[in-house]
Amino acid sequence: MMNLDEEVRLWTTNAEREKTENLATLYSIIVSLDYLERAYVRDSVNGKEYAPACIKLLAQYKSLMKLVGDEIGGVETFMKRFKMDHPAALHRLSVGVPATVEHSAEATDGGSETGKWVAETTSSFITFMDALKLNLRAKDQLHPFLTELMSGYSRFKGSGEWEGRAKILHWLIALNAMKASDEITEEQSRQMLFDIENAYNEFFRSLSNGKT
């Protein structure tokens, strides 16, 4: 007969204990990120408070998924298993960067600061395109370059309306969904280069037309 006063143990070995704690941490990260996203949308936190907190949670999530990703079958499967209804968190985890980057939260103010941003973003475009031309294919090779490019690109207030933004974001989400060692195909690489080159040309056309 079951003793109702007896403590129920969720593990019997150290390995099981570590697994349970990792899953609990993942659960808490998802819930925390969802609350953060909703708070940002409601202006309960501003961009300067939101961005570092979001980056920290995303980094913790990525580190944890290296430990449990294969076992849980992906974050969507994990959320369905535990009946987690947190669409804002799921979207942010899918994108892999804060909303301030995704939605061009920064606005240029002209002058030397704008010139600096143009130079940095141009460099990011060239670096990423060169990486593709040098046949870099793995996620852990390409993702940091594309994240940096998106961050610089999104500083320009007009970028939210540029066609290139959707392409960059599409590839950022695609890379974010891959394992670190996974590689894109030759076809994907060619399409990615084509899309990024078009975004690069549009970027400079917009600068020339004063649409920043």
N, C-alpha and C. Protein backbone atom coordinates (compact mmCIF):
# COMPACT_ATOMS: atom_id res chain seq x y z
N MET A 1 0.84 -1.20 0.00
CA MET A 1 0.00 0.00 0.00
C MET A 1 0.87 1.25 0.00
N MET A 2 0.49 2.26 -0.78
CA MET A 2 1.29 3.47 -0.89
C MET A 2 1.16 4.31 0.38
N ASN A 3 2.32 4.78 0.85
CA ASN A 3 2.36 5.68 2.01
C ASN A 3 2.28 7.11 1.51
N LEU A 4 1.16 7.78 1.79
CA LEU A 4 0.95 9.13 1.28
C LEU A 4 1.87 10.16 1.93
N ASP A 5 2.47 9.81 3.06
CA ASP A 5 3.38 10.72 3.75
C ASP A 5 4.81 10.56 3.26
N GLU A 6 5.04 9.56 2.43
CA GLU A 6 6.40 9.29 1.94
C GLU A 6 6.74 10.22 0.77
N GLU A 7 7.92 10.79 0.80
CA GLU A 7 8.38 11.71 -0.25
C GLU A 7 8.60 10.94 -1.56
N VAL A 8 8.05 11.48 -2.64
CA VAL A 8 8.22 10.85 -3.95
C VAL A 8 9.53 11.31 -4.56
N ARG A 9 10.38 10.39 -4.90
CA ARG A 9 11.69 10.71 -5.47
C ARG A 9 11.58 10.70 -7.00
N LEU A 10 12.07 11.75 -7.61
CA LEU A 10 12.03 11.86 -9.07
C LEU A 10 13.23 11.22 -9.73
N TRP A 11 14.20 10.79 -8.94
CA TRP A 11 15.38 10.15 -9.51
C TRP A 11 15.96 9.17 -8.50
N THR A 12 16.72 8.24 -9.02
CA THR A 12 17.38 7.26 -8.15
C THR A 12 18.89 7.29 -8.36
N THR A 13 19.35 7.95 -9.42
CA THR A 13 20.78 8.05 -9.69
C THR A 13 21.15 9.52 -9.94
N ASN A 14 22.44 9.80 -9.89
CA ASN A 14 22.91 11.16 -10.14
C ASN A 14 22.60 11.61 -11.56
N ALA A 15 22.67 10.67 -12.51
CA ALA A 15 22.38 11.00 -13.91
C ALA A 15 20.92 11.39 -14.07
N GLU A 16 20.02 10.65 -13.41
CA GLU A 16 18.60 10.99 -13.47
C GLU A 16 18.33 12.31 -12.79
N ARG A 17 19.03 12.58 -11.72
CA ARG A 17 18.86 13.85 -11.01
C ARG A 17 19.29 15.02 -11.91
N GLU A 18 20.41 14.89 -12.57
CA GLU A 18 20.90 15.94 -13.46
C GLU A 18 19.92 16.18 -14.61
N LYS A 19 19.39 15.10 -15.16
CA LYS A 19 18.42 15.21 -16.26
C LYS A 19 17.18 15.96 -15.80
N THR A 20 16.66 15.60 -14.63
CA THR A 20 15.46 16.25 -14.11
C THR A 20 15.69 17.73 -13.85
N GLU A 21 16.85 18.06 -13.30
CA GLU A 21 17.16 19.46 -13.01
C GLU A 21 17.34 20.26 -14.30
N ASN A 22 17.91 19.65 -15.32
CA ASN A 22 18.08 20.33 -16.61
C ASN A 22 16.73 20.62 -17.25
N LEU A 23 15.82 19.65 -17.18
CA LEU A 23 14.49 19.86 -17.75
C LEU A 23 13.73 20.93 -16.98
N ALA A 24 13.90 20.96 -15.67
CA ALA A 24 13.25 21.98 -14.85
C ALA A 24 13.80 23.37 -15.19
N THR A 25 15.10 23.44 -15.43
CA THR A 25 15.72 24.72 -15.80
C THR A 25 15.21 25.19 -17.15
N LEU A 26 15.09 24.26 -18.10
CA LEU A 26 14.57 24.61 -19.42
C LEU A 26 13.15 25.14 -19.30
N TYR A 27 12.35 24.49 -18.50
CA TYR A 27 10.98 24.93 -18.28
C TYR A 27 10.95 26.36 -17.75
N SER A 28 11.80 26.64 -16.77
CA SER A 28 11.82 27.97 -16.15
C SER A 28 12.32 29.04 -17.13
N ILE A 29 13.26 28.68 -18.00
CA ILE A 29 13.77 29.64 -19.00
C ILE A 29 12.64 30.03 -19.97
N ILE A 30 11.87 29.05 -20.41
CA ILE A 30 10.78 29.31 -21.34
C ILE A 30 9.74 30.23 -20.70
N VAL A 31 9.38 29.93 -19.47
CA VAL A 31 8.39 30.75 -18.76
C VAL A 31 8.91 32.17 -18.55
N SER A 32 10.17 32.28 -18.13
CA SER A 32 10.77 33.60 -17.90
C SER A 32 10.84 34.42 -19.17
N LEU A 33 11.21 33.76 -20.27
CA LEU A 33 11.31 34.47 -21.55
C LEU A 33 9.94 34.94 -22.02
N ASP A 34 8.92 34.14 -21.79
CA ASP A 34 7.57 34.53 -22.20
C ASP A 34 7.11 35.76 -21.41
N TYR A 35 7.37 35.77 -20.11
CA TYR A 35 7.02 36.93 -19.30
C TYR A 35 7.79 38.17 -19.76
N LEU A 36 9.06 38.00 -20.08
CA LEU A 36 9.89 39.12 -20.54
C LEU A 36 9.36 39.69 -21.85
N GLU A 37 9.03 38.80 -22.80
CA GLU A 37 8.50 39.25 -24.08
C GLU A 37 7.20 40.04 -23.91
N ARG A 38 6.33 39.54 -23.06
CA ARG A 38 5.06 40.22 -22.84
C ARG A 38 5.25 41.56 -22.14
N ALA A 39 6.20 41.59 -21.22
CA ALA A 39 6.49 42.84 -20.51
C ALA A 39 7.04 43.89 -21.46
N TYR A 40 7.87 43.46 -22.40
CA TYR A 40 8.44 44.39 -23.37
C TYR A 40 7.36 44.94 -24.30
N VAL A 41 6.46 44.07 -24.76
CA VAL A 41 5.38 44.50 -25.64
C VAL A 41 4.47 45.50 -24.94
N ARG A 42 4.29 45.32 -23.64
CA ARG A 42 3.40 46.21 -22.87
C ARG A 42 4.13 47.44 -22.33
N ASP A 43 5.41 47.61 -22.68
CA ASP A 43 6.22 48.74 -22.20
C ASP A 43 6.45 48.71 -20.70
N SER A 44 6.34 47.53 -20.11
CA SER A 44 6.65 47.41 -18.69
C SER A 44 8.16 47.42 -18.47
N VAL A 45 8.92 47.04 -19.50
CA VAL A 45 10.37 47.18 -19.49
C VAL A 45 10.77 47.85 -20.79
N ASN A 46 11.81 48.70 -20.73
CA ASN A 46 12.26 49.36 -21.95
C ASN A 46 13.31 48.52 -22.67
N GLY A 47 13.71 48.97 -23.85
CA GLY A 47 14.65 48.21 -24.66
C GLY A 47 15.98 47.97 -23.99
N LYS A 48 16.48 48.96 -23.24
CA LYS A 48 17.78 48.82 -22.58
C LYS A 48 17.74 47.78 -21.47
N GLU A 49 16.58 47.62 -20.84
CA GLU A 49 16.43 46.60 -19.81
C GLU A 49 16.14 45.23 -20.44
N TYR A 50 15.34 45.27 -21.48
CA TYR A 50 14.89 44.04 -22.12
C TYR A 50 16.02 43.29 -22.83
N ALA A 51 16.81 44.00 -23.65
CA ALA A 51 17.78 43.34 -24.52
C ALA A 51 18.78 42.47 -23.77
N PRO A 52 19.48 43.00 -22.74
CA PRO A 52 20.45 42.13 -22.04
C PRO A 52 19.81 40.95 -21.33
N ALA A 53 18.60 41.16 -20.79
CA ALA A 53 17.91 40.05 -20.13
C ALA A 53 17.54 38.97 -21.13
N CYS A 54 17.08 39.40 -22.31
CA CYS A 54 16.71 38.44 -23.36
C CYS A 54 17.94 37.69 -23.86
N ILE A 55 19.01 38.41 -24.10
CA ILE A 55 20.25 37.78 -24.57
C ILE A 55 20.74 36.73 -23.57
N LYS A 56 20.65 37.05 -22.28
CA LYS A 56 21.09 36.10 -21.25
C LYS A 56 20.24 34.83 -21.27
N LEU A 57 18.92 34.99 -21.37
CA LEU A 57 18.04 33.82 -21.41
C LEU A 57 18.27 32.99 -22.67
N LEU A 58 18.49 33.64 -23.80
CA LEU A 58 18.75 32.92 -25.05
C LEU A 58 20.06 32.14 -24.95
N ALA A 59 21.06 32.75 -24.34
CA ALA A 59 22.36 32.08 -24.17
C ALA A 59 22.22 30.86 -23.25
N GLN A 60 21.46 31.03 -22.17
CA GLN A 60 21.24 29.91 -21.25
C GLN A 60 20.49 28.78 -21.95
N TYR A 61 19.50 29.16 -22.76
CA TYR A 61 18.73 28.17 -23.51
C TYR A 61 19.63 27.39 -24.47
N LYS A 62 20.47 28.10 -25.20
CA LYS A 62 21.35 27.45 -26.18
C LYS A 62 22.33 26.50 -25.49
N SER A 63 22.85 26.92 -24.35
CA SER A 63 23.78 26.07 -23.61
C SER A 63 23.07 24.81 -23.10
N LEU A 64 21.86 24.98 -22.60
CA LEU A 64 21.11 23.86 -22.06
C LEU A 64 20.69 22.88 -23.15
N MET A 65 20.33 23.41 -24.33
CA MET A 65 19.90 22.54 -25.42
C MET A 65 21.04 21.65 -25.92
N LYS A 66 22.27 22.06 -25.70
CA LYS A 66 23.40 21.20 -26.05
C LYS A 66 23.40 19.94 -25.18
N LEU A 67 22.81 20.05 -23.99
CA LEU A 67 22.78 18.92 -23.06
C LEU A 67 21.54 18.05 -23.24
N VAL A 68 20.40 18.67 -23.56
CA VAL A 68 19.14 17.92 -23.57
C VAL A 68 18.43 17.91 -24.92
N GLY A 69 18.94 18.66 -25.89
CA GLY A 69 18.26 18.81 -27.17
C GLY A 69 17.90 17.51 -27.85
N ASP A 70 18.85 16.62 -27.96
CA ASP A 70 18.60 15.35 -28.64
C ASP A 70 17.58 14.50 -27.88
N GLU A 71 17.65 14.58 -26.57
CA GLU A 71 16.80 13.73 -25.74
C GLU A 71 15.34 14.17 -25.76
N ILE A 72 15.08 15.48 -25.79
CA ILE A 72 13.70 15.97 -25.71
C ILE A 72 13.05 16.11 -27.08
N GLY A 73 13.86 16.04 -28.16
CA GLY A 73 13.31 16.13 -29.50
C GLY A 73 12.96 17.53 -29.95
N GLY A 74 13.58 18.53 -29.34
CA GLY A 74 13.33 19.91 -29.73
C GLY A 74 12.42 20.63 -28.75
N VAL A 75 12.50 21.96 -28.75
CA VAL A 75 11.76 22.74 -27.75
C VAL A 75 10.25 22.66 -27.97
N GLU A 76 9.79 22.60 -29.22
CA GLU A 76 8.35 22.52 -29.46
C GLU A 76 7.78 21.22 -28.91
N THR A 77 8.50 20.13 -29.11
CA THR A 77 8.06 18.84 -28.57
C THR A 77 8.02 18.88 -27.05
N PHE A 78 9.04 19.51 -26.46
CA PHE A 78 9.11 19.64 -25.00
C PHE A 78 7.91 20.44 -24.48
N MET A 79 7.59 21.55 -25.16
CA MET A 79 6.48 22.39 -24.71
C MET A 79 5.14 21.67 -24.85
N LYS A 80 4.98 20.90 -25.91
CA LYS A 80 3.73 20.13 -26.07
C LYS A 80 3.62 19.06 -25.00
N ARG A 81 4.74 18.44 -24.69
CA ARG A 81 4.75 17.36 -23.69
C ARG A 81 4.27 17.86 -22.33
N PHE A 82 4.70 19.07 -21.97
CA PHE A 82 4.33 19.63 -20.66
C PHE A 82 3.21 20.67 -20.76
N LYS A 83 2.52 20.68 -21.91
CA LYS A 83 1.35 21.55 -22.11
C LYS A 83 1.68 23.01 -21.81
N MET A 84 2.78 23.48 -22.37
CA MET A 84 3.22 24.86 -22.17
C MET A 84 2.67 25.74 -23.30
N ASP A 85 1.86 26.70 -22.94
CA ASP A 85 1.28 27.63 -23.91
C ASP A 85 1.99 28.98 -23.80
N HIS A 86 3.16 29.07 -24.43
CA HIS A 86 3.99 30.27 -24.35
C HIS A 86 4.47 30.65 -25.75
N PRO A 87 3.56 31.12 -26.60
CA PRO A 87 3.93 31.43 -27.99
C PRO A 87 4.98 32.53 -28.14
N ALA A 88 4.96 33.51 -27.24
CA ALA A 88 5.94 34.60 -27.34
C ALA A 88 7.35 34.07 -27.12
N ALA A 89 7.49 33.18 -26.14
CA ALA A 89 8.80 32.59 -25.87
C ALA A 89 9.24 31.70 -27.03
N LEU A 90 8.31 30.92 -27.56
CA LEU A 90 8.66 30.02 -28.67
C LEU A 90 9.13 30.81 -29.88
N HIS A 91 8.47 31.92 -30.17
CA HIS A 91 8.90 32.75 -31.30
C HIS A 91 10.30 33.31 -31.06
N ARG A 92 10.55 33.79 -29.85
CA ARG A 92 11.87 34.38 -29.57
C ARG A 92 12.96 33.32 -29.65
N LEU A 93 12.68 32.12 -29.18
CA LEU A 93 13.65 31.03 -29.26
C LEU A 93 13.89 30.63 -30.70
N SER A 94 12.87 30.69 -31.53
CA SER A 94 13.00 30.35 -32.95
C SER A 94 13.85 31.37 -33.68
N VAL A 95 13.64 32.65 -33.37
CA VAL A 95 14.40 33.72 -34.02
C VAL A 95 15.84 33.73 -33.52
N GLY A 96 16.01 33.61 -32.20
CA GLY A 96 17.35 33.53 -31.64
C GLY A 96 18.01 34.85 -31.32
N VAL A 97 17.32 35.96 -31.54
CA VAL A 97 17.84 37.29 -31.20
C VAL A 97 16.71 38.08 -30.54
N PRO A 98 17.04 39.11 -29.75
CA PRO A 98 16.00 39.91 -29.09
C PRO A 98 15.11 40.64 -30.08
N ALA A 99 13.93 41.04 -29.62
CA ALA A 99 12.99 41.78 -30.47
C ALA A 99 13.57 43.12 -30.91
N THR A 100 14.45 43.70 -30.11
CA THR A 100 15.07 44.96 -30.48
C THR A 100 15.93 44.82 -31.73
N VAL A 101 16.44 43.63 -31.96
CA VAL A 101 17.19 43.35 -33.19
C VAL A 101 16.24 42.97 -34.31
N GLU A 102 15.29 42.12 -34.00
CA GLU A 102 14.36 41.63 -35.03
C GLU A 102 13.53 42.75 -35.65
N HIS A 103 13.13 43.70 -34.83
CA HIS A 103 12.19 44.72 -35.30
C HIS A 103 12.78 46.11 -35.45
N SER A 104 14.09 46.20 -35.56
CA SER A 104 14.74 47.49 -35.81
C SER A 104 14.36 48.54 -34.78
N ALA A 105 14.61 48.24 -33.52
CA ALA A 105 14.18 49.16 -32.47
C ALA A 105 15.00 50.43 -32.41
N GLU A 106 16.25 50.39 -32.91
CA GLU A 106 17.09 51.57 -32.87
C GLU A 106 16.77 52.49 -34.04
N ALA A 107 17.05 53.75 -33.89
CA ALA A 107 16.84 54.72 -34.96
C ALA A 107 18.10 55.54 -35.15
N THR A 108 18.49 55.75 -36.38
CA THR A 108 19.68 56.54 -36.64
C THR A 108 19.40 58.00 -36.38
N ASP A 109 20.43 58.73 -35.96
CA ASP A 109 20.25 60.13 -35.64
C ASP A 109 21.16 61.02 -36.45
N GLY A 110 21.74 60.47 -37.53
CA GLY A 110 22.57 61.29 -38.41
C GLY A 110 23.97 61.48 -37.85
N GLY A 111 24.80 62.16 -38.63
CA GLY A 111 26.13 62.51 -38.17
C GLY A 111 27.09 61.35 -38.14
N SER A 112 28.12 61.51 -37.29
CA SER A 112 29.21 60.54 -37.25
C SER A 112 28.76 59.18 -36.76
N GLU A 113 27.75 59.17 -35.88
CA GLU A 113 27.26 57.88 -35.37
C GLU A 113 26.66 57.05 -36.49
N THR A 114 25.89 57.69 -37.37
CA THR A 114 25.32 56.99 -38.51
C THR A 114 26.40 56.47 -39.43
N GLY A 115 27.43 57.29 -39.66
CA GLY A 115 28.54 56.86 -40.50
C GLY A 115 29.23 55.64 -39.93
N LYS A 116 29.37 55.61 -38.62
CA LYS A 116 29.98 54.45 -37.96
C LYS A 116 29.13 53.20 -38.16
N TRP A 117 27.81 53.35 -38.02
CA TRP A 117 26.91 52.21 -38.20
C TRP A 117 26.93 51.70 -39.63
N VAL A 118 26.99 52.62 -40.58
CA VAL A 118 27.05 52.22 -41.99
C VAL A 118 28.31 51.40 -42.25
N ALA A 119 29.44 51.88 -41.72
CA ALA A 119 30.72 51.19 -41.91
C ALA A 119 30.69 49.79 -41.28
N GLU A 120 30.15 49.71 -40.06
CA GLU A 120 30.10 48.42 -39.36
C GLU A 120 29.18 47.43 -40.07
N THR A 121 28.02 47.93 -40.53
CA THR A 121 27.06 47.05 -41.21
C THR A 121 27.60 46.59 -42.56
N THR A 122 28.25 47.50 -43.26
CA THR A 122 28.88 47.14 -44.53
C THR A 122 29.92 46.04 -44.32
N SER A 123 30.72 46.19 -43.28
CA SER A 123 31.74 45.19 -42.96
C SER A 123 31.09 43.84 -42.64
N SER A 124 29.97 43.88 -41.92
CA SER A 124 29.27 42.64 -41.57
C SER A 124 28.72 41.94 -42.81
N PHE A 125 28.17 42.71 -43.73
CA PHE A 125 27.68 42.15 -45.00
C PHE A 125 28.82 41.44 -45.73
N ILE A 126 29.93 42.15 -45.88
CA ILE A 126 31.06 41.61 -46.64
C ILE A 126 31.65 40.37 -45.97
N THR A 127 31.77 40.42 -44.64
CA THR A 127 32.31 39.28 -43.90
C THR A 127 31.45 38.04 -44.10
N PHE A 128 30.13 38.21 -44.02
CA PHE A 128 29.24 37.06 -44.17
C PHE A 128 29.26 36.52 -45.59
N MET A 129 29.25 37.40 -46.57
CA MET A 129 29.28 36.94 -47.96
C MET A 129 30.60 36.25 -48.28
N ASP A 130 31.69 36.77 -47.74
CA ASP A 130 32.99 36.13 -47.93
C ASP A 130 33.02 34.73 -47.31
N ALA A 131 32.37 34.59 -46.15
CA ALA A 131 32.32 33.28 -45.48
C ALA A 131 31.62 32.25 -46.37
N LEU A 132 30.54 32.67 -47.02
CA LEU A 132 29.83 31.77 -47.93
C LEU A 132 30.68 31.45 -49.16
N LYS A 133 31.37 32.46 -49.68
CA LYS A 133 32.21 32.24 -50.86
C LYS A 133 33.40 31.34 -50.54
N LEU A 134 33.81 31.32 -49.27
CA LEU A 134 34.90 30.45 -48.84
C LEU A 134 34.40 29.06 -48.44
N ASN A 135 33.13 28.79 -48.76
CA ASN A 135 32.52 27.47 -48.54
C ASN A 135 32.35 27.10 -47.07
N LEU A 136 32.19 28.10 -46.20
CA LEU A 136 31.81 27.79 -44.83
C LEU A 136 30.36 27.35 -44.84
N ARG A 137 30.07 26.24 -44.18
CA ARG A 137 28.73 25.66 -44.26
C ARG A 137 28.10 25.37 -42.88
N ALA A 138 28.91 25.19 -41.85
CA ALA A 138 28.39 24.78 -40.55
C ALA A 138 27.70 25.93 -39.83
N LYS A 139 26.68 25.60 -39.04
CA LYS A 139 25.95 26.62 -38.28
C LYS A 139 26.88 27.41 -37.39
N ASP A 140 27.78 26.73 -36.66
CA ASP A 140 28.63 27.46 -35.72
C ASP A 140 29.65 28.36 -36.41
N GLN A 141 29.80 28.20 -37.72
CA GLN A 141 30.65 29.10 -38.50
C GLN A 141 29.87 30.31 -39.00
N LEU A 142 28.63 30.09 -39.41
CA LEU A 142 27.85 31.14 -40.07
C LEU A 142 26.96 31.95 -39.12
N HIS A 143 26.40 31.29 -38.13
CA HIS A 143 25.42 31.95 -37.26
C HIS A 143 25.96 33.21 -36.57
N PRO A 144 27.17 33.20 -36.01
CA PRO A 144 27.67 34.43 -35.37
C PRO A 144 27.79 35.60 -36.34
N PHE A 145 28.22 35.32 -37.57
CA PHE A 145 28.36 36.38 -38.57
C PHE A 145 26.99 36.97 -38.94
N LEU A 146 26.00 36.09 -39.12
CA LEU A 146 24.68 36.56 -39.52
C LEU A 146 23.99 37.30 -38.38
N THR A 147 24.20 36.86 -37.15
CA THR A 147 23.64 37.56 -36.00
C THR A 147 24.20 38.97 -35.90
N GLU A 148 25.51 39.09 -36.10
CA GLU A 148 26.15 40.41 -36.06
C GLU A 148 25.62 41.29 -37.18
N LEU A 149 25.43 40.71 -38.36
CA LEU A 149 24.89 41.47 -39.49
C LEU A 149 23.48 41.97 -39.17
N MET A 150 22.63 41.10 -38.63
CA MET A 150 21.26 41.49 -38.31
C MET A 150 21.23 42.59 -37.26
N SER A 151 22.13 42.51 -36.30
CA SER A 151 22.18 43.52 -35.24
C SER A 151 22.51 44.89 -35.81
N GLY A 152 23.50 44.95 -36.69
CA GLY A 152 23.88 46.22 -37.30
C GLY A 152 22.82 46.73 -38.25
N TYR A 153 22.28 45.85 -39.04
CA TYR A 153 21.25 46.19 -40.04
C TYR A 153 20.02 46.80 -39.36
N SER A 154 19.66 46.25 -38.20
CA SER A 154 18.44 46.66 -37.52
C SER A 154 18.56 48.01 -36.83
N ARG A 155 19.76 48.56 -36.76
CA ARG A 155 19.91 49.89 -36.16
C ARG A 155 19.25 50.98 -37.00
N PHE A 156 19.07 50.70 -38.27
CA PHE A 156 18.52 51.71 -39.17
C PHE A 156 16.99 51.67 -39.14
N LYS A 157 16.38 52.80 -38.79
CA LYS A 157 14.94 52.83 -38.57
C LYS A 157 14.14 52.45 -39.81
N GLY A 158 14.71 52.64 -41.00
CA GLY A 158 13.99 52.27 -42.22
C GLY A 158 14.08 50.81 -42.57
N SER A 159 14.94 50.06 -41.87
CA SER A 159 15.19 48.66 -42.25
C SER A 159 13.97 47.76 -42.07
N GLY A 160 13.06 48.16 -41.20
CA GLY A 160 11.86 47.35 -41.00
C GLY A 160 11.01 47.22 -42.25
N GLU A 161 11.17 48.15 -43.18
CA GLU A 161 10.38 48.12 -44.42
C GLU A 161 11.19 47.60 -45.60
N TRP A 162 12.46 47.33 -45.43
CA TRP A 162 13.29 46.85 -46.54
C TRP A 162 13.02 45.37 -46.80
N GLU A 163 13.02 45.00 -48.06
CA GLU A 163 12.76 43.61 -48.43
C GLU A 163 13.85 42.67 -47.89
N GLY A 164 15.06 43.18 -47.81
CA GLY A 164 16.17 42.35 -47.36
C GLY A 164 16.03 41.86 -45.93
N ARG A 165 15.32 42.60 -45.11
CA ARG A 165 15.17 42.23 -43.70
C ARG A 165 14.52 40.86 -43.55
N ALA A 166 13.46 40.62 -44.33
CA ALA A 166 12.76 39.33 -44.25
C ALA A 166 13.67 38.17 -44.66
N LYS A 167 14.54 38.42 -45.66
CA LYS A 167 15.47 37.38 -46.10
C LYS A 167 16.51 37.07 -45.04
N ILE A 168 17.07 38.13 -44.45
CA ILE A 168 18.08 37.94 -43.41
C ILE A 168 17.46 37.20 -42.23
N LEU A 169 16.27 37.62 -41.83
CA LEU A 169 15.59 36.99 -40.70
C LEU A 169 15.27 35.53 -41.00
N HIS A 170 14.85 35.25 -42.23
CA HIS A 170 14.55 33.87 -42.64
C HIS A 170 15.76 32.97 -42.44
N TRP A 171 16.93 33.43 -42.89
CA TRP A 171 18.13 32.60 -42.77
C TRP A 171 18.63 32.53 -41.33
N LEU A 172 18.39 33.58 -40.58
CA LEU A 172 18.78 33.56 -39.17
C LEU A 172 17.97 32.52 -38.41
N ILE A 173 16.68 32.45 -38.70
CA ILE A 173 15.82 31.44 -38.07
C ILE A 173 16.21 30.03 -38.51
N ALA A 174 16.52 29.89 -39.80
CA ALA A 174 16.92 28.57 -40.32
C ALA A 174 18.19 28.08 -39.66
N LEU A 175 19.18 28.95 -39.52
CA LEU A 175 20.44 28.56 -38.88
C LEU A 175 20.23 28.29 -37.40
N ASN A 176 19.39 29.11 -36.77
CA ASN A 176 19.16 28.96 -35.35
C ASN A 176 18.54 27.60 -35.01
N ALA A 177 17.78 27.04 -35.94
CA ALA A 177 17.11 25.76 -35.71
C ALA A 177 18.04 24.56 -35.88
N MET A 178 19.24 24.81 -36.41
CA MET A 178 20.19 23.72 -36.66
C MET A 178 21.06 23.45 -35.45
N LYS A 179 21.64 22.26 -35.40
CA LYS A 179 22.66 21.95 -34.40
C LYS A 179 23.96 22.64 -34.81
N ALA A 180 24.83 22.86 -33.84
CA ALA A 180 26.07 23.61 -34.11
C ALA A 180 26.89 22.98 -35.23
N SER A 181 26.90 21.66 -35.31
CA SER A 181 27.73 20.97 -36.30
C SER A 181 27.02 20.74 -37.63
N ASP A 182 25.70 21.01 -37.68
CA ASP A 182 24.96 20.83 -38.92
C ASP A 182 25.45 21.79 -39.99
N GLU A 183 25.36 21.37 -41.24
CA GLU A 183 25.81 22.20 -42.35
C GLU A 183 24.67 22.45 -43.34
N ILE A 184 24.67 23.64 -43.94
CA ILE A 184 23.71 23.93 -45.00
C ILE A 184 24.18 23.23 -46.27
N THR A 185 23.24 23.05 -47.19
CA THR A 185 23.58 22.39 -48.45
C THR A 185 24.19 23.40 -49.42
N GLU A 186 24.73 22.89 -50.53
CA GLU A 186 25.26 23.77 -51.57
C GLU A 186 24.16 24.66 -52.12
N GLU A 187 22.98 24.09 -52.33
CA GLU A 187 21.85 24.87 -52.84
C GLU A 187 21.46 25.98 -51.87
N GLN A 188 21.41 25.64 -50.59
CA GLN A 188 21.08 26.65 -49.58
C GLN A 188 22.13 27.75 -49.53
N SER A 189 23.39 27.37 -49.66
CA SER A 189 24.46 28.35 -49.63
C SER A 189 24.34 29.34 -50.79
N ARG A 190 24.04 28.81 -51.96
CA ARG A 190 23.90 29.69 -53.14
C ARG A 190 22.70 30.62 -53.00
N GLN A 191 21.60 30.08 -52.48
CA GLN A 191 20.41 30.92 -52.29
C GLN A 191 20.66 31.97 -51.21
N MET A 192 21.34 31.56 -50.15
CA MET A 192 21.66 32.49 -49.07
C MET A 192 22.53 33.64 -49.56
N LEU A 193 23.55 33.30 -50.34
CA LEU A 193 24.43 34.32 -50.90
C LEU A 193 23.65 35.27 -51.81
N PHE A 194 22.78 34.71 -52.62
CA PHE A 194 21.96 35.52 -53.52
C PHE A 194 21.08 36.49 -52.72
N ASP A 195 20.44 35.99 -51.67
CA ASP A 195 19.55 36.82 -50.86
C ASP A 195 20.33 37.92 -50.12
N ILE A 196 21.48 37.55 -49.57
CA ILE A 196 22.27 38.53 -48.80
C ILE A 196 22.86 39.59 -49.73
N GLU A 197 23.28 39.19 -50.92
CA GLU A 197 23.80 40.18 -51.88
C GLU A 197 22.70 41.16 -52.28
N ASN A 198 21.48 40.67 -52.48
CA ASN A 198 20.37 41.55 -52.80
C ASN A 198 20.07 42.51 -51.64
N ALA A 199 20.12 41.98 -50.42
CA ALA A 199 19.90 42.83 -49.24
C ALA A 199 20.98 43.89 -49.12
N TYR A 200 22.20 43.51 -49.45
CA TYR A 200 23.34 44.44 -49.41
C TYR A 200 23.15 45.57 -50.43
N ASN A 201 22.74 45.22 -51.64
CA ASN A 201 22.51 46.23 -52.68
C ASN A 201 21.35 47.15 -52.30
N GLU A 202 20.30 46.56 -51.73
CA GLU A 202 19.15 47.36 -51.29
C GLU A 202 19.56 48.32 -50.17
N PHE A 203 20.40 47.85 -49.28
CA PHE A 203 20.89 48.65 -48.17
C PHE A 203 21.54 49.94 -48.68
N PHE A 204 22.39 49.79 -49.68
CA PHE A 204 23.08 50.96 -50.21
C PHE A 204 22.17 51.85 -51.06
N ARG A 205 21.21 51.25 -51.74
CA ARG A 205 20.24 52.07 -52.46
C ARG A 205 19.43 52.92 -51.49
N SER A 206 19.07 52.32 -50.37
CA SER A 206 18.28 53.04 -49.37
C SER A 206 19.10 54.16 -48.75
N LEU A 207 20.38 53.90 -48.51
CA LEU A 207 21.25 54.95 -47.98
C LEU A 207 21.36 56.10 -48.95
N SER A 208 21.50 55.79 -50.22
CA SER A 208 21.64 56.81 -51.25
C SER A 208 20.38 57.66 -51.38
N ASN A 209 19.23 57.00 -51.13
CA ASN A 209 17.94 57.71 -51.24
C ASN A 209 17.51 58.37 -49.94
N GLY A 210 18.38 58.23 -48.92
CA GLY A 210 18.07 58.84 -47.63
C GLY A 210 16.99 58.14 -46.84
N LYS A 211 16.78 56.84 -47.11
CA LYS A 211 15.72 56.08 -46.42
C LYS A 211 16.28 55.26 -45.27
N THR A 212 17.02 55.89 -44.36
CA THR A 212 17.56 55.21 -43.21
C THR A 212 16.91 55.69 -41.94
